[in-house]
Amino acid sequence: MCRNIRTLHNFEPHATSEEVHAAALQYVRKISGSTKPSKANQEAFDDAVHEIAHITQHLLDALVTQAPPKDREAEAAKAKARAAVRYGAA
């Protein structure tokens, strides 16, 4: 599950609210040990995702860097190349 949480800081264009929500969802899934909560836990699960996404957006908005913004396509190509080496694909 954790491999699905991607770096969201210092990209151009900035991370979307959907990307922030997806990262929060993956985080809550990981720490709860559940990809789909029971009906009894659904509200707590959804509240946690909402709160974590909110705080994550505040963090991203507050971070500063001197580094130039990363290019999403270039970073995706690097990740694909690393995966190919890791899993032996050509």
PDB file of N, CA and C in Angstrom:
ATOM      1  N   MET A   1       0.801  -1.203   0.000  1.00  0.00           N
ATOM      2  CA  MET A   1       0.000   0.000   0.000  1.00  0.00           C
ATOM      3  C   MET A   1       0.845   1.269   0.000  1.00  0.00           C
ATOM      4  N   CYS A   2       1.926   1.309   0.748  1.00  0.00           N
ATOM      5  CA  CYS A   2       2.685   2.549   0.892  1.00  0.00           C
ATOM      6  C   CYS A   2       3.324   3.020  -0.405  1.00  0.00           C
ATOM      7  N   ARG A   3       3.607   2.124  -1.307  1.00  0.00           N
ATOM      8  CA  ARG A   3       4.222   2.555  -2.559  1.00  0.00           C
ATOM      9  C   ARG A   3       3.300   3.454  -3.358  1.00  0.00           C
ATOM     10  N   ASN A   4       2.017   3.441  -3.048  1.00  0.00           N
ATOM     11  CA  ASN A   4       1.067   4.282  -3.767  1.00  0.00           C
ATOM     12  C   ASN A   4       1.056   5.718  -3.265  1.00  0.00           C
ATOM     13  N   ILE A   5       1.704   5.982  -2.148  1.00  0.00           N
ATOM     14  CA  ILE A   5       1.784   7.350  -1.663  1.00  0.00           C
ATOM     15  C   ILE A   5       2.973   7.996  -2.366  1.00  0.00           C
ATOM     16  N   ARG A   6       2.697   9.021  -3.133  1.00  0.00           N
ATOM     17  CA  ARG A   6       3.706   9.692  -3.942  1.00  0.00           C
ATOM     18  C   ARG A   6       4.078  11.028  -3.328  1.00  0.00           C
ATOM     19  N   THR A   7       5.300  11.455  -3.625  1.00  0.00           N
ATOM     20  CA  THR A   7       5.726  12.792  -3.229  1.00  0.00           C
ATOM     21  C   THR A   7       4.846  13.799  -3.947  1.00  0.00           C
ATOM     22  N   LEU A   8       4.351  14.766  -3.213  1.00  0.00           N
ATOM     23  CA  LEU A   8       3.459  15.768  -3.783  1.00  0.00           C
ATOM     24  C   LEU A   8       4.063  17.172  -3.783  1.00  0.00           C
ATOM     25  N   HIS A   9       5.168  17.344  -3.098  1.00  0.00           N
ATOM     26  CA  HIS A   9       5.777  18.666  -2.964  1.00  0.00           C
ATOM     27  C   HIS A   9       6.688  18.992  -4.141  1.00  0.00           C
ATOM     28  N   ASN A  10       6.676  20.225  -4.540  1.00  0.00           N
ATOM     29  CA  ASN A  10       7.585  20.805  -5.527  1.00  0.00           C
ATOM     30  C   ASN A  10       7.388  20.244  -6.934  1.00  0.00           C
ATOM     31  N   PHE A  11       6.152  20.133  -7.334  1.00  0.00           N
ATOM     32  CA  PHE A  11       5.837  19.745  -8.710  1.00  0.00           C
ATOM     33  C   PHE A  11       5.158  20.903  -9.409  1.00  0.00           C
ATOM     34  N   GLU A  12       5.340  20.966 -10.682  1.00  0.00           N
ATOM     35  CA  GLU A  12       4.646  21.938 -11.503  1.00  0.00           C
ATOM     36  C   GLU A  12       3.888  21.170 -12.567  1.00  0.00           C
ATOM     37  N   PRO A  13       2.574  21.236 -12.638  1.00  0.00           N
ATOM     38  CA  PRO A  13       1.700  22.018 -11.763  1.00  0.00           C
ATOM     39  C   PRO A  13       1.613  21.404 -10.367  1.00  0.00           C
ATOM     40  N   HIS A  14       1.128  22.190  -9.428  1.00  0.00           N
ATOM     41  CA  HIS A  14       1.010  21.746  -8.041  1.00  0.00           C
ATOM     42  C   HIS A  14       0.084  20.536  -7.924  1.00  0.00           C
ATOM     43  N   ALA A  15       0.235  19.825  -6.825  1.00  0.00           N
ATOM     44  CA  ALA A  15      -0.612  18.661  -6.565  1.00  0.00           C
ATOM     45  C   ALA A  15      -2.079  19.077  -6.550  1.00  0.00           C
ATOM     46  N   THR A  16      -2.899  18.237  -7.129  1.00  0.00           N
ATOM     47  CA  THR A  16      -4.338  18.505  -7.158  1.00  0.00           C
ATOM     48  C   THR A  16      -4.974  18.026  -5.855  1.00  0.00           C
ATOM     49  N   SER A  17      -6.187  18.473  -5.605  1.00  0.00           N
ATOM     50  CA  SER A  17      -6.902  18.009  -4.415  1.00  0.00           C
ATOM     51  C   SER A  17      -7.160  16.506  -4.502  1.00  0.00           C
ATOM     52  N   GLU A  18      -7.320  15.981  -5.719  1.00  0.00           N
ATOM     53  CA  GLU A  18      -7.500  14.539  -5.893  1.00  0.00           C
ATOM     54  C   GLU A  18      -6.253  13.764  -5.495  1.00  0.00           C
ATOM     55  N   GLU A  19      -5.084  14.295  -5.840  1.00  0.00           N
ATOM     56  CA  GLU A  19      -3.824  13.637  -5.452  1.00  0.00           C
ATOM     57  C   GLU A  19      -3.634  13.675  -3.944  1.00  0.00           C
ATOM     58  N   VAL A  20      -3.961  14.793  -3.335  1.00  0.00           N
ATOM     59  CA  VAL A  20      -3.849  14.921  -1.881  1.00  0.00           C
ATOM     60  C   VAL A  20      -4.809  13.947  -1.208  1.00  0.00           C
ATOM     61  N   HIS A  21      -6.031  13.857  -1.704  1.00  0.00           N
ATOM     62  CA  HIS A  21      -7.018  12.933  -1.139  1.00  0.00           C
ATOM     63  C   HIS A  21      -6.558  11.487  -1.298  1.00  0.00           C
ATOM     64  N   ALA A  22      -6.012  11.137  -2.462  1.00  0.00           N
ATOM     65  CA  ALA A  22      -5.545   9.768  -2.697  1.00  0.00           C
ATOM     66  C   ALA A  22      -4.416   9.400  -1.735  1.00  0.00           C
ATOM     67  N   ALA A  23      -3.510  10.333  -1.475  1.00  0.00           N
ATOM     68  CA  ALA A  23      -2.425  10.074  -0.531  1.00  0.00           C
ATOM     69  C   ALA A  23      -2.981   9.885   0.875  1.00  0.00           C
ATOM     70  N   ALA A  24      -3.944  10.719   1.265  1.00  0.00           N
ATOM     71  CA  ALA A  24      -4.564  10.598   2.590  1.00  0.00           C
ATOM     72  C   ALA A  24      -5.289   9.264   2.721  1.00  0.00           C
ATOM     73  N   LEU A  25      -5.985   8.865   1.674  1.00  0.00           N
ATOM     74  CA  LEU A  25      -6.690   7.585   1.684  1.00  0.00           C
ATOM     75  C   LEU A  25      -5.714   6.422   1.850  1.00  0.00           C
ATOM     76  N   GLN A  26      -4.611   6.444   1.117  1.00  0.00           N
ATOM     77  CA  GLN A  26      -3.619   5.380   1.234  1.00  0.00           C
ATOM     78  C   GLN A  26      -3.024   5.337   2.644  1.00  0.00           C
ATOM     79  N   TYR A  27      -2.772   6.507   3.214  1.00  0.00           N
ATOM     80  CA  TYR A  27      -2.234   6.576   4.567  1.00  0.00           C
ATOM     81  C   TYR A  27      -3.208   5.959   5.576  1.00  0.00           C
ATOM     82  N   VAL A  28      -4.473   6.341   5.497  1.00  0.00           N
ATOM     83  CA  VAL A  28      -5.477   5.815   6.434  1.00  0.00           C
ATOM     84  C   VAL A  28      -5.646   4.311   6.238  1.00  0.00           C
ATOM     85  N   ARG A  29      -5.641   3.864   4.996  1.00  0.00           N
ATOM     86  CA  ARG A  29      -5.722   2.422   4.745  1.00  0.00           C
ATOM     87  C   ARG A  29      -4.551   1.689   5.389  1.00  0.00           C
ATOM     88  N   LYS A  30      -3.372   2.251   5.257  1.00  0.00           N
ATOM     89  CA  LYS A  30      -2.174   1.593   5.801  1.00  0.00           C
ATOM     90  C   LYS A  30      -2.230   1.524   7.319  1.00  0.00           C
ATOM     91  N   ILE A  31      -2.493   2.645   7.970  1.00  0.00           N
ATOM     92  CA  ILE A  31      -2.440   2.621   9.433  1.00  0.00           C
ATOM     93  C   ILE A  31      -3.620   1.892  10.055  1.00  0.00           C
ATOM     94  N   SER A  32      -4.763   1.842   9.329  1.00  0.00           N
ATOM     95  CA  SER A  32      -5.913   1.112   9.872  1.00  0.00           C
ATOM     96  C   SER A  32      -5.842  -0.378   9.553  1.00  0.00           C
ATOM     97  N   GLY A  33      -5.026  -0.727   8.565  1.00  0.00           N
ATOM     98  CA  GLY A  33      -4.924  -2.129   8.161  1.00  0.00           C
ATOM     99  C   GLY A  33      -6.128  -2.599   7.373  1.00  0.00           C
ATOM    100  N   SER A  34      -6.869  -1.646   6.816  1.00  0.00           N
ATOM    101  CA  SER A  34      -8.101  -1.989   6.116  1.00  0.00           C
ATOM    102  C   SER A  34      -8.229  -1.163   4.849  1.00  0.00           C
ATOM    103  N   THR A  35      -8.509  -1.830   3.739  1.00  0.00           N
ATOM    104  CA  THR A  35      -8.751  -1.079   2.512  1.00  0.00           C
ATOM    105  C   THR A  35     -10.205  -0.661   2.409  1.00  0.00           C
ATOM    106  N   LYS A  36     -11.069  -1.385   3.076  1.00  0.00           N
ATOM    107  CA  LYS A  36     -12.502  -1.071   3.090  1.00  0.00           C
ATOM    108  C   LYS A  36     -13.007  -1.259   4.516  1.00  0.00           C
ATOM    109  N   PRO A  37     -13.308  -0.155   5.193  1.00  0.00           N
ATOM    110  CA  PRO A  37     -13.762  -0.291   6.579  1.00  0.00           C
ATOM    111  C   PRO A  37     -15.154  -0.885   6.676  1.00  0.00           C
ATOM    112  N   SER A  38     -15.455  -1.435   7.839  1.00  0.00           N
ATOM    113  CA  SER A  38     -16.814  -1.934   8.091  1.00  0.00           C
ATOM    114  C   SER A  38     -17.767  -0.749   8.164  1.00  0.00           C
ATOM    115  N   LYS A  39     -19.053  -1.027   8.085  1.00  0.00           N
ATOM    116  CA  LYS A  39     -20.046   0.045   8.185  1.00  0.00           C
ATOM    117  C   LYS A  39     -19.909   0.795   9.506  1.00  0.00           C
ATOM    118  N   ALA A  40     -19.564   0.059  10.559  1.00  0.00           N
ATOM    119  CA  ALA A  40     -19.419   0.675  11.885  1.00  0.00           C
ATOM    120  C   ALA A  40     -18.247   1.659  11.925  1.00  0.00           C
ATOM    121  N   ASN A  41     -17.241   1.436  11.090  1.00  0.00           N
ATOM    122  CA  ASN A  41     -16.050   2.282  11.093  1.00  0.00           C
ATOM    123  C   ASN A  41     -15.989   3.259   9.924  1.00  0.00           C
ATOM    124  N   GLN A  42     -16.953   3.210   9.034  1.00  0.00           N
ATOM    125  CA  GLN A  42     -16.900   4.029   7.810  1.00  0.00           C
ATOM    126  C   GLN A  42     -16.800   5.520   8.112  1.00  0.00           C
ATOM    127  N   GLU A  43     -17.600   6.012   9.044  1.00  0.00           N
ATOM    128  CA  GLU A  43     -17.576   7.443   9.342  1.00  0.00           C
ATOM    129  C   GLU A  43     -16.220   7.875   9.895  1.00  0.00           C
ATOM    130  N   ALA A  44     -15.661   7.098  10.828  1.00  0.00           N
ATOM    131  CA  ALA A  44     -14.349   7.428  11.385  1.00  0.00           C
ATOM    132  C   ALA A  44     -13.279   7.391  10.299  1.00  0.00           C
ATOM    133  N   PHE A  45     -13.356   6.405   9.418  1.00  0.00           N
ATOM    134  CA  PHE A  45     -12.412   6.255   8.309  1.00  0.00           C
ATOM    135  C   PHE A  45     -12.494   7.481   7.393  1.00  0.00           C
ATOM    136  N   ASP A  46     -13.712   7.841   6.984  1.00  0.00           N
ATOM    137  CA  ASP A  46     -13.909   8.985   6.095  1.00  0.00           C
ATOM    138  C   ASP A  46     -13.469  10.292   6.749  1.00  0.00           C
ATOM    139  N   ASP A  47     -13.773  10.449   8.037  1.00  0.00           N
ATOM    140  CA  ASP A  47     -13.346  11.653   8.759  1.00  0.00           C
ATOM    141  C   ASP A  47     -11.822  11.753   8.792  1.00  0.00           C
ATOM    142  N   ALA A  48     -11.158  10.628   9.030  1.00  0.00           N
ATOM    143  CA  ALA A  48      -9.691  10.625   9.072  1.00  0.00           C
ATOM    144  C   ALA A  48      -9.108  11.003   7.721  1.00  0.00           C
ATOM    145  N   VAL A  49      -9.649  10.450   6.648  1.00  0.00           N
ATOM    146  CA  VAL A  49      -9.162  10.788   5.304  1.00  0.00           C
ATOM    147  C   VAL A  49      -9.333  12.285   5.058  1.00  0.00           C
ATOM    148  N   HIS A  50     -10.489  12.813   5.395  1.00  0.00           N
ATOM    149  CA  HIS A  50     -10.757  14.244   5.202  1.00  0.00           C
ATOM    150  C   HIS A  50      -9.770  15.111   5.987  1.00  0.00           C
ATOM    151  N   GLU A  51      -9.590  14.790   7.258  1.00  0.00           N
ATOM    152  CA  GLU A  51      -8.690  15.584   8.107  1.00  0.00           C
ATOM    153  C   GLU A  51      -7.243  15.504   7.633  1.00  0.00           C
ATOM    154  N   ILE A  52      -6.798  14.321   7.276  1.00  0.00           N
ATOM    155  CA  ILE A  52      -5.412  14.152   6.822  1.00  0.00           C
ATOM    156  C   ILE A  52      -5.198  14.871   5.495  1.00  0.00           C
ATOM    157  N   ALA A  53      -6.162  14.810   4.597  1.00  0.00           N
ATOM    158  CA  ALA A  53      -6.053  15.539   3.330  1.00  0.00           C
ATOM    159  C   ALA A  53      -5.970  17.042   3.591  1.00  0.00           C
ATOM    160  N   HIS A  54      -6.784  17.519   4.524  1.00  0.00           N
ATOM    161  CA  HIS A  54      -6.789  18.943   4.873  1.00  0.00           C
ATOM    162  C   HIS A  54      -5.418  19.372   5.411  1.00  0.00           C
ATOM    163  N   ILE A  55      -4.892  18.630   6.355  1.00  0.00           N
ATOM    164  CA  ILE A  55      -3.592  18.950   6.953  1.00  0.00           C
ATOM    165  C   ILE A  55      -2.473  18.816   5.918  1.00  0.00           C
ATOM    166  N   THR A  56      -2.575  17.809   5.061  1.00  0.00           N
ATOM    167  CA  THR A  56      -1.569  17.625   4.014  1.00  0.00           C
ATOM    168  C   THR A  56      -1.542  18.830   3.086  1.00  0.00           C
ATOM    169  N   GLN A  57      -2.708  19.334   2.720  1.00  0.00           N
ATOM    170  CA  GLN A  57      -2.755  20.511   1.851  1.00  0.00           C
ATOM    171  C   GLN A  57      -2.120  21.709   2.538  1.00  0.00           C
ATOM    172  N   HIS A  58      -2.380  21.889   3.829  1.00  0.00           N
ATOM    173  CA  HIS A  58      -1.743  22.980   4.581  1.00  0.00           C
ATOM    174  C   HIS A  58      -0.227  22.816   4.574  1.00  0.00           C
ATOM    175  N   LEU A  59       0.248  21.600   4.767  1.00  0.00           N
ATOM    176  CA  LEU A  59       1.686  21.353   4.738  1.00  0.00           C
ATOM    177  C   LEU A  59       2.265  21.716   3.380  1.00  0.00           C
ATOM    178  N   LEU A  60       1.663  21.226   2.320  1.00  0.00           N
ATOM    179  CA  LEU A  60       2.167  21.513   0.981  1.00  0.00           C
ATOM    180  C   LEU A  60       2.170  23.010   0.689  1.00  0.00           C
ATOM    181  N   ASP A  61       1.155  23.705   1.151  1.00  0.00           N
ATOM    182  CA  ASP A  61       1.079  25.153   0.942  1.00  0.00           C
ATOM    183  C   ASP A  61       2.158  25.903   1.718  1.00  0.00           C
ATOM    184  N   ALA A  62       2.593  25.357   2.847  1.00  0.00           N
ATOM    185  CA  ALA A  62       3.563  26.040   3.701  1.00  0.00           C
ATOM    186  C   ALA A  62       5.016  25.725   3.362  1.00  0.00           C
ATOM    187  N   LEU A  63       5.265  24.605   2.702  1.00  0.00           N
ATOM    188  CA  LEU A  63       6.640  24.219   2.393  1.00  0.00           C
ATOM    189  C   LEU A  63       7.266  25.168   1.376  1.00  0.00           C
ATOM    190  N   VAL A  64       8.546  25.448   1.568  1.00  0.00           N
ATOM    191  CA  VAL A  64       9.302  26.274   0.630  1.00  0.00           C
ATOM    192  C   VAL A  64      10.551  25.524   0.210  1.00  0.00           C
ATOM    193  N   THR A  65      11.043  25.846  -0.962  1.00  0.00           N
ATOM    194  CA  THR A  65      12.263  25.212  -1.453  1.00  0.00           C
ATOM    195  C   THR A  65      12.949  26.138  -2.436  1.00  0.00           C
ATOM    196  N   GLN A  66      14.254  25.981  -2.556  1.00  0.00           N
ATOM    197  CA  GLN A  66      15.031  26.716  -3.550  1.00  0.00           C
ATOM    198  C   GLN A  66      15.202  25.889  -4.817  1.00  0.00           C
ATOM    199  N   ALA A  67      14.855  24.601  -4.739  1.00  0.00           N
ATOM    200  CA  ALA A  67      15.026  23.705  -5.879  1.00  0.00           C
ATOM    201  C   ALA A  67      13.990  24.027  -6.961  1.00  0.00           C
ATOM    202  N   PRO A  68      14.382  23.833  -8.206  1.00  0.00           N
ATOM    203  CA  PRO A  68      13.393  24.054  -9.272  1.00  0.00           C
ATOM    204  C   PRO A  68      12.291  23.002  -9.201  1.00  0.00           C
ATOM    205  N   PRO A  69      11.098  23.344  -9.637  1.00  0.00           N
ATOM    206  CA  PRO A  69       9.996  22.368  -9.608  1.00  0.00           C
ATOM    207  C   PRO A  69      10.324  21.136 -10.452  1.00  0.00           C
ATOM    208  N   LYS A  70       9.841  19.994  -9.984  1.00  0.00           N
ATOM    209  CA  LYS A  70      10.040  18.742 -10.717  1.00  0.00           C
ATOM    210  C   LYS A  70       8.992  18.635 -11.814  1.00  0.00           C
ATOM    211  N   ASP A  71       9.365  17.930 -12.859  1.00  0.00           N
ATOM    212  CA  ASP A  71       8.462  17.675 -13.975  1.00  0.00           C
ATOM    213  C   ASP A  71       7.788  16.331 -13.761  1.00  0.00           C
ATOM    214  N   ARG A  72       6.470  16.304 -13.771  1.00  0.00           N
ATOM    215  CA  ARG A  72       5.725  15.071 -13.499  1.00  0.00           C
ATOM    216  C   ARG A  72       6.065  13.960 -14.491  1.00  0.00           C
ATOM    217  N   GLU A  73       6.151  14.294 -15.757  1.00  0.00           N
ATOM    218  CA  GLU A  73       6.433  13.274 -16.770  1.00  0.00           C
ATOM    219  C   GLU A  73       7.837  12.692 -16.596  1.00  0.00           C
ATOM    220  N   ALA A  74       8.808  13.542 -16.309  1.00  0.00           N
ATOM    221  CA  ALA A  74      10.183  13.068 -16.098  1.00  0.00           C
ATOM    222  C   ALA A  74      10.258  12.175 -14.858  1.00  0.00           C
ATOM    223  N   GLU A  75       9.577  12.573 -13.788  1.00  0.00           N
ATOM    224  CA  GLU A  75       9.588  11.767 -12.570  1.00  0.00           C
ATOM    225  C   GLU A  75       8.880  10.429 -12.789  1.00  0.00           C
ATOM    226  N   ALA A  76       7.802  10.428 -13.565  1.00  0.00           N
ATOM    227  CA  ALA A  76       7.089   9.185 -13.871  1.00  0.00           C
ATOM    228  C   ALA A  76       7.974   8.247 -14.696  1.00  0.00           C
ATOM    229  N   ALA A  77       8.732   8.810 -15.632  1.00  0.00           N
ATOM    230  CA  ALA A  77       9.639   7.995 -16.446  1.00  0.00           C
ATOM    231  C   ALA A  77      10.733   7.373 -15.577  1.00  0.00           C
ATOM    232  N   LYS A  78      11.268   8.148 -14.641  1.00  0.00           N
ATOM    233  CA  LYS A  78      12.290   7.618 -13.721  1.00  0.00           C
ATOM    234  C   LYS A  78      11.713   6.486 -12.877  1.00  0.00           C
ATOM    235  N   ALA A  79      10.504   6.667 -12.374  1.00  0.00           N
ATOM    236  CA  ALA A  79       9.865   5.634 -11.551  1.00  0.00           C
ATOM    237  C   ALA A  79       9.623   4.371 -12.369  1.00  0.00           C
ATOM    238  N   LYS A  80       9.219   4.535 -13.603  1.00  0.00           N
ATOM    239  CA  LYS A  80       8.987   3.381 -14.479  1.00  0.00           C
ATOM    240  C   LYS A  80      10.290   2.634 -14.741  1.00  0.00           C
ATOM    241  N   ALA A  81      11.372   3.369 -14.939  1.00  0.00           N
ATOM    242  CA  ALA A  81      12.676   2.741 -15.159  1.00  0.00           C
ATOM    243  C   ALA A  81      13.136   1.989 -13.910  1.00  0.00           C
ATOM    244  N   ARG A  82      12.915   2.583 -12.730  1.00  0.00           N
ATOM    245  CA  ARG A  82      13.289   1.902 -11.478  1.00  0.00           C
ATOM    246  C   ARG A  82      12.476   0.629 -11.297  1.00  0.00           C
ATOM    247  N   ALA A  83      11.190   0.697 -11.630  1.00  0.00           N
ATOM    248  CA  ALA A  83      10.325  -0.483 -11.504  1.00  0.00           C
ATOM    249  C   ALA A  83      10.773  -1.575 -12.464  1.00  0.00           C
ATOM    250  N   ALA A  84      11.176  -1.201 -13.655  1.00  0.00           N
ATOM    251  CA  ALA A  84      11.641  -2.176 -14.642  1.00  0.00           C
ATOM    252  C   ALA A  84      12.877  -2.899 -14.125  1.00  0.00           C
ATOM    253  N   VAL A  85      13.787  -2.176 -13.503  1.00  0.00           N
ATOM    254  CA  VAL A  85      14.992  -2.798 -12.939  1.00  0.00           C
ATOM    255  C   VAL A  85      14.623  -3.688 -11.765  1.00  0.00           C
ATOM    256  N   ARG A  86      13.725  -3.182 -10.904  1.00  0.00           N
ATOM    257  CA  ARG A  86      13.337  -3.907  -9.696  1.00  0.00           C
ATOM    258  C   ARG A  86      12.615  -5.210 -10.047  1.00  0.00           C
ATOM    259  N   TYR A  87      11.760  -5.182 -11.043  1.00  0.00           N
ATOM    260  CA  TYR A  87      10.963  -6.359 -11.371  1.00  0.00           C
ATOM    261  C   TYR A  87      11.469  -7.118 -12.587  1.00  0.00           C
ATOM    262  N   GLY A  88      12.593  -6.689 -13.127  1.00  0.00           N
ATOM    263  CA  GLY A  88      13.228  -7.422 -14.208  1.00  0.00           C
ATOM    264  C   GLY A  88      12.535  -7.288 -15.551  1.00  0.00           C
ATOM    265  N   ALA A  89      11.671  -6.302 -15.693  1.00  0.00           N
ATOM    266  CA  ALA A  89      11.006  -6.091 -16.981  1.00  0.00           C
ATOM    267  C   ALA A  89      11.930  -5.308 -17.903  1.00  0.00           C
ATOM    268  N   ALA A  90      11.763  -5.508 -19.182  1.00  0.00           N
ATOM    269  CA  ALA A  90      12.605  -4.791 -20.138  1.00  0.00           C
ATOM    270  C   ALA A  90      11.853  -3.700 -20.831  1.00  0.00           C
TER     271      ALA A  90
END
